[in-house]
Protein backbone atom coordinates (compact mmCIF):
# COMPACT_ATOMS: atom_id res chain seq x y z
CA ARG A 1 -1.39 8.59 25.75
CA GLY A 2 -1.39 5.88 28.39
CA GLY A 3 -2.62 2.35 28.04
CA GLY A 4 -0.61 -0.84 28.04
CA VAL A 5 -0.54 -3.68 25.60
CA ALA A 6 -3.96 -5.26 25.38
CA GLU A 7 -4.63 -8.98 25.34
CA GLY A 8 -2.15 -10.00 28.00
CA ALA A 9 1.37 -9.03 28.96
CA TRP A 10 4.08 -8.84 26.33
CA PRO A 11 6.47 -11.78 26.78
CA ARG A 12 9.93 -10.73 27.97
CA ALA A 13 11.45 -13.20 25.49
CA ALA A 14 10.11 -11.02 22.70
CA MET A 15 12.97 -8.60 23.13
CA GLU A 16 15.60 -11.35 23.08
CA ALA A 17 14.29 -13.69 20.37
CA PRO A 18 15.76 -13.46 16.86
CA GLU A 19 12.25 -13.24 15.42
CA LEU A 20 10.95 -10.15 13.70
CA TRP A 21 8.75 -7.91 15.85
CA VAL A 22 6.66 -5.52 13.79
CA GLY A 23 4.91 -2.39 14.99
CA PHE A 24 2.35 -0.13 13.34
CA VAL A 25 1.89 3.45 14.54
CA GLY A 26 -1.54 4.05 13.08
CA ALA A 27 -4.07 1.35 12.35
CA GLY A 28 -6.17 2.64 9.45
CA ARG A 29 -7.24 1.02 6.22
CA MET A 30 -3.87 0.96 4.45
CA ALA A 31 -2.03 -0.40 7.48
CA GLY A 32 -4.79 -2.97 7.88
CA GLY A 33 -4.42 -4.04 4.25
CA LEU A 34 -0.70 -4.44 4.68
CA VAL A 35 -0.97 -6.48 7.87
CA ARG A 36 -3.58 -8.79 6.36
CA GLY A 37 -1.22 -9.49 3.47
CA LEU A 38 1.63 -10.26 5.87
CA LEU A 39 -0.57 -12.57 7.94
CA GLN A 40 -2.14 -14.38 4.98
CA ALA A 41 1.32 -15.08 3.58
CA GLY A 42 2.54 -16.31 6.96
CA LYS A 43 5.47 -13.85 6.95
CA VAL A 44 4.96 -12.67 10.53
CA PRO A 45 2.82 -14.31 13.25
CA ALA A 46 -0.01 -12.13 14.55
CA SER A 47 1.42 -12.37 18.08
CA ASN A 48 4.56 -10.56 16.85
CA ILE A 49 2.59 -7.54 15.62
CA LEU A 50 1.67 -4.54 17.78
CA ALA A 51 -0.48 -1.65 16.55
CA SER A 52 -1.29 1.68 18.15
CA ALA A 53 -4.14 4.13 17.59
CA PRO A 54 -5.76 6.83 19.74
CA SER A 55 -9.05 4.93 20.10
CA ASP A 56 -10.33 1.37 19.79
CA LYS A 57 -12.29 2.20 16.62
CA ASN A 58 -9.72 0.63 14.29
CA LEU A 59 -7.90 -1.54 16.82
CA ASP A 60 -10.82 -3.94 17.32
CA ALA A 61 -10.23 -5.37 13.82
CA TRP A 62 -6.53 -5.90 14.61
CA ARG A 63 -7.37 -7.77 17.80
CA GLU A 64 -9.71 -10.01 15.81
CA LEU A 65 -6.70 -10.90 13.63
CA GLY A 66 -4.77 -11.89 16.76
CA CYS A 67 -2.49 -8.84 16.80
CA ARG A 68 -1.60 -6.98 19.96
CA THR A 69 -2.81 -3.41 20.38
CA THR A 70 -2.07 -0.34 22.49
CA HIS A 71 -2.97 3.34 22.69
CA CYS A 72 0.68 4.24 23.28
CA ASN A 73 2.88 5.00 20.26
CA LEU A 74 6.05 4.82 22.35
CA GLU A 75 5.16 1.28 23.37
CA VAL A 76 5.12 0.25 19.71
CA VAL A 77 8.65 1.57 19.26
CA HIS A 78 9.90 -0.05 22.47
CA ARG A 79 8.45 -3.44 21.52
CA SER A 80 9.30 -3.55 17.81
CA THR A 81 12.33 -3.59 15.56
CA LEU A 82 10.49 -2.84 12.31
CA VAL A 83 8.15 0.12 12.78
CA PHE A 84 5.61 1.16 10.14
CA LEU A 85 4.37 4.75 10.33
CA ALA A 86 0.78 4.81 9.08
CA THR A 87 -0.74 8.01 10.43
CA LYS A 88 -2.48 10.84 8.61
CA PRO A 89 0.08 13.28 7.12
CA HIS A 90 -0.84 16.21 9.38
CA ILE A 91 -0.44 14.06 12.50
CA LEU A 92 2.96 12.61 11.61
CA PRO A 93 5.27 15.47 12.78
CA GLY A 94 3.79 15.30 16.29
CA VAL A 95 4.09 11.50 16.33
CA LEU A 96 7.74 11.66 15.23
CA GLU A 97 8.49 14.16 17.99
CA GLU A 98 6.85 11.79 20.48
CA ILE A 99 8.68 8.62 19.42
CA ARG A 100 12.05 10.20 18.60
CA PRO A 101 13.60 9.57 22.06
CA ALA A 102 12.81 5.84 21.77
CA VAL A 103 14.23 5.27 18.27
CA GLY A 104 17.53 3.39 18.41
CA SER A 105 20.12 2.30 15.87
CA HIS A 106 18.50 -1.18 15.74
CA HIS A 107 15.17 0.19 14.51
CA ILE A 108 14.00 0.17 10.90
CA VAL A 109 11.38 2.88 10.37
CA VAL A 110 9.14 2.54 7.32
CA SER A 111 6.71 5.32 6.40
CA LEU A 112 3.48 4.73 4.51
CA VAL A 113 2.48 8.37 4.93
CA ALA A 114 1.62 10.17 1.70
CA GLY A 115 3.38 13.43 0.95
CA VAL A 116 6.13 13.13 3.59
CA THR A 117 9.59 12.85 2.07
CA ILE A 118 12.52 10.78 3.29
CA GLN A 119 14.39 14.03 3.89
CA THR A 120 11.64 15.20 6.26
CA LEU A 121 11.54 11.84 8.06
CA GLN A 122 15.32 11.87 8.53
CA ARG A 123 15.22 15.45 9.82
CA LEU A 124 12.58 14.65 12.44
CA LEU A 125 14.15 11.36 13.60
CA PRO A 126 17.59 10.71 15.14
CA PRO A 127 20.42 11.06 12.58
CA TRP A 128 21.28 7.36 12.64
CA THR A 129 17.74 6.15 11.88
CA LYS A 130 17.33 3.61 9.09
CA VAL A 131 14.42 5.12 7.17
CA LEU A 132 12.50 3.74 4.19
CA ARG A 133 9.40 5.08 2.50
CA ILE A 134 6.80 2.89 0.85
CA MET A 135 3.69 3.59 -1.15
CA PRO A 136 1.27 0.65 -1.19
CA ASN A 137 -2.20 0.49 -2.70
CA LEU A 138 -5.44 -0.97 -1.41
CA PRO A 139 -5.32 -4.41 -3.14
CA CYS A 140 -2.53 -5.32 -0.69
CA VAL A 141 -5.45 -6.61 1.38
CA VAL A 142 -5.96 -9.44 -1.14
CA GLN A 143 -2.22 -9.94 -1.72
CA ALA A 144 -2.47 -8.31 -5.14
CA GLY A 145 -1.08 -4.88 -4.35
CA ALA A 146 1.38 -2.78 -6.30
CA MET A 147 3.99 -1.14 -4.08
CA VAL A 148 7.14 0.88 -4.52
CA PHE A 149 9.69 1.81 -1.88
CA SER A 150 12.78 3.99 -1.51
CA ARG A 151 15.47 3.95 1.13
CA GLY A 152 17.04 6.75 3.12
CA SER A 153 20.77 7.36 3.50
CA ASN A 154 21.20 4.98 6.45
CA ALA A 155 19.12 2.08 5.09
CA GLY A 156 21.28 -0.49 3.35
CA ASP A 157 20.76 -3.59 1.25
CA GLU A 158 19.83 -5.67 4.30
CA GLU A 159 16.90 -3.41 5.16
CA ALA A 160 15.79 -3.18 1.52
CA VAL A 161 15.87 -6.97 1.10
CA LEU A 162 13.90 -7.47 4.34
CA LEU A 163 11.25 -4.95 3.34
CA LYS A 164 10.94 -6.32 -0.21
CA SER A 165 10.62 -9.86 1.15
CA LEU A 166 7.80 -8.81 3.47
CA LEU A 167 5.97 -6.61 0.99
CA SER A 168 6.20 -9.14 -1.83
CA SER A 169 3.74 -11.18 0.20
CA CYS A 170 1.24 -8.40 -0.52
CA GLY A 171 1.81 -8.19 -4.29
CA LEU A 172 4.23 -6.59 -6.75
CA CYS A 173 7.01 -4.70 -4.97
CA GLU A 174 9.72 -2.61 -6.63
CA GLU A 175 12.50 -0.42 -5.26
CA VAL A 176 12.52 2.96 -7.04
CA PRO A 177 14.03 6.44 -6.77
CA GLU A 178 11.93 8.53 -4.39
CA SER A 179 10.91 10.82 -7.26
CA TYR A 180 8.82 7.94 -8.65
CA ILE A 181 6.68 7.66 -5.52
CA ASP A 182 4.31 10.50 -6.43
CA ILE A 183 4.01 9.06 -9.95
CA HIS A 184 3.17 5.67 -8.43
CA THR A 185 0.45 7.38 -6.40
CA GLY A 186 -1.09 8.76 -9.60
CA LEU A 187 -0.66 5.49 -11.48
CA SER A 188 -1.49 2.83 -8.92
CA GLY A 189 -2.52 4.30 -5.58
CA SER A 190 -5.29 6.35 -7.17
CA GLY A 191 -5.33 4.12 -10.26
CA VAL A 192 -7.28 1.44 -8.43
CA ALA A 193 -10.23 3.84 -8.41
CA TYR A 194 -9.92 4.43 -12.17
CA VAL A 195 -10.13 0.68 -12.71
CA TYR A 196 -13.19 0.38 -10.47
CA LEU A 197 -14.85 3.13 -12.49
CA PHE A 198 -14.02 1.28 -15.73
CA ALA A 199 -15.31 -2.01 -14.28
CA GLU A 200 -18.53 -0.29 -13.27
CA ALA A 201 -18.94 1.15 -16.78
CA LEU A 202 -18.25 -2.25 -18.40
CA ALA A 203 -20.90 -3.91 -16.25
CA GLU A 204 -23.42 -1.13 -16.85
CA GLY A 205 -22.94 -1.52 -20.59
CA ALA A 206 -23.87 -5.18 -20.26
CA VAL A 207 -26.86 -4.33 -18.06
CA LYS A 208 -28.02 -1.89 -20.74
CA MET A 209 -27.93 -4.76 -23.23
CA GLY A 210 -29.97 -7.03 -20.95
CA MET A 211 -27.58 -8.92 -18.63
CA PRO A 212 -28.33 -9.04 -14.87
CA GLY A 213 -26.17 -6.61 -12.89
CA ALA A 214 -24.55 -9.07 -10.47
CA LEU A 215 -23.50 -11.39 -13.29
CA ALA A 216 -22.22 -8.47 -15.38
CA SER A 217 -20.10 -7.21 -12.45
CA ARG A 218 -18.53 -10.63 -11.90
CA ILE A 219 -17.68 -11.02 -15.58
CA ALA A 220 -16.30 -7.46 -15.76
CA ALA A 221 -14.05 -8.13 -12.74
CA GLN A 222 -12.80 -11.43 -14.18
CA THR A 223 -12.14 -9.73 -17.52
CA LEU A 224 -9.93 -7.15 -15.82
CA LEU A 225 -8.18 -9.83 -13.77
CA GLY A 226 -7.48 -11.97 -16.83
CA ALA A 227 -6.25 -9.06 -18.91
CA ALA A 228 -3.90 -7.92 -16.12
CA LYS A 229 -2.58 -11.45 -15.63
CA MET A 230 -1.80 -11.76 -19.33
CA LEU A 231 0.10 -8.45 -19.24
CA LEU A 232 2.21 -9.58 -16.30
CA GLU A 233 2.82 -13.15 -17.44
CA THR A 234 3.50 -12.55 -21.14
CA GLY A 235 5.50 -9.34 -20.69
CA GLU A 236 3.98 -8.11 -23.95
CA HIS A 237 3.23 -4.44 -24.59
CA PRO A 238 -0.47 -3.67 -24.01
CA ALA A 239 -0.81 -2.51 -27.63
CA LYS A 240 0.36 -5.93 -28.88
CA LEU A 241 -2.18 -7.79 -26.73
CA ARG A 242 -4.92 -5.35 -27.72
CA GLY A 243 -4.08 -5.96 -31.38
CA ASP A 244 -4.32 -9.73 -30.83
CA VAL A 245 -7.97 -9.33 -29.78
CA CYS A 246 -8.91 -7.26 -32.83
CA THR A 247 -9.99 -9.19 -35.92
CA PRO A 248 -10.67 -7.31 -39.17
CA GLY A 249 -14.23 -6.02 -39.20
CA GLY A 250 -14.93 -7.71 -35.85
CA THR A 251 -16.68 -6.56 -32.69
CA THR A 252 -13.60 -5.32 -30.85
CA ILE A 253 -12.41 -2.80 -33.41
CA TYR A 254 -15.91 -1.29 -33.54
CA ALA A 255 -15.87 -0.94 -29.76
CA LEU A 256 -12.34 0.50 -29.69
CA HIS A 257 -13.38 3.10 -32.25
CA GLN A 258 -16.02 4.33 -29.78
CA LEU A 259 -13.46 4.48 -26.96
CA GLU A 260 -11.08 6.48 -29.16
CA LYS A 261 -13.90 8.91 -30.03
CA GLY A 262 -14.41 9.35 -26.29
CA ALA A 263 -10.67 10.08 -25.86
CA LEU A 264 -10.28 7.30 -23.29
CA ARG A 265 -6.48 7.17 -23.49
CA ALA A 266 -5.98 10.93 -23.25
CA THR A 267 -8.45 11.16 -20.37
CA VAL A 268 -6.70 8.41 -18.39
CA MET A 269 -3.31 10.01 -19.02
CA ASP A 270 -4.73 13.31 -17.75
CA ALA A 271 -6.06 11.52 -14.66
CA VAL A 272 -2.63 10.04 -13.82
CA GLU A 273 -1.06 13.47 -14.33
CA ALA A 274 -3.65 15.20 -12.11
CA ALA A 275 -3.22 12.69 -9.28
CA THR A 276 0.58 12.83 -9.52
CA ASN A 277 0.57 16.63 -9.40
CA ARG A 278 -1.76 16.55 -6.40
CA ALA A 279 0.59 14.13 -4.63
CA CYS A 280 3.48 16.53 -5.32
CA ASP A 281 1.44 19.45 -3.96
CA MET A 282 0.63 17.51 -0.79
CA ALA A 283 4.35 17.04 -0.19
CA LYS A 284 4.83 20.81 -0.31
CA ASP A 285 1.95 21.66 2.06
């Protein structure tokens, strides 16, 4: 693919220093969200991050963050110890074939690619490769993501602790069996969109009753943020917190009755199931 590291030569000391050198093969939205979280938390300096992509379309934003960029995937592997794979699923097999000769026993390879199993990654990479698979979601960009990860047969506690430490800077991070990853996609990866739809509907209800749209949107967003924070910080079951808001004959129980008539809970459960099943299907394609 040609092209050297942009923005000056890579320092030779980089390969000898005990610091962490992080590479991204693929520089799209999800990778960008992850790197912003890492940078905002100060986990890795921008000068220690190298990203590759076929064109400058996405790389310009990385350069603005102070990261190094290249058009050469092999260069990312040569210059990094921790390598994130963030390509489109259909491109990944070709990328793995390209970088395979450069992957050494010191590398940690972490895939963000939807629908590609650890078994497939291990088959297409050298047999000693330390492989992990993560599934982030878009709010990683504001350090409020929800991520799960699983490790391959060669990745040990050290790699899992390192990855969890880095990803925790981007939000909630849990290690799970790989079978949970597709469920996480249906729950949280796609679930962000369900919440945006609900926020939009909340605000539109207020607009219908006479509140200005911009104000209604801000209040709807803060309502969701506050409710989520209470769930996380109290550890209470959602039903308990919902019950706390309902007073006999009050406004909330009247509103909840309407939501139940609209089968909100069943519809959301169906949505999670549909997205999970689609994620499973993508893994089989």
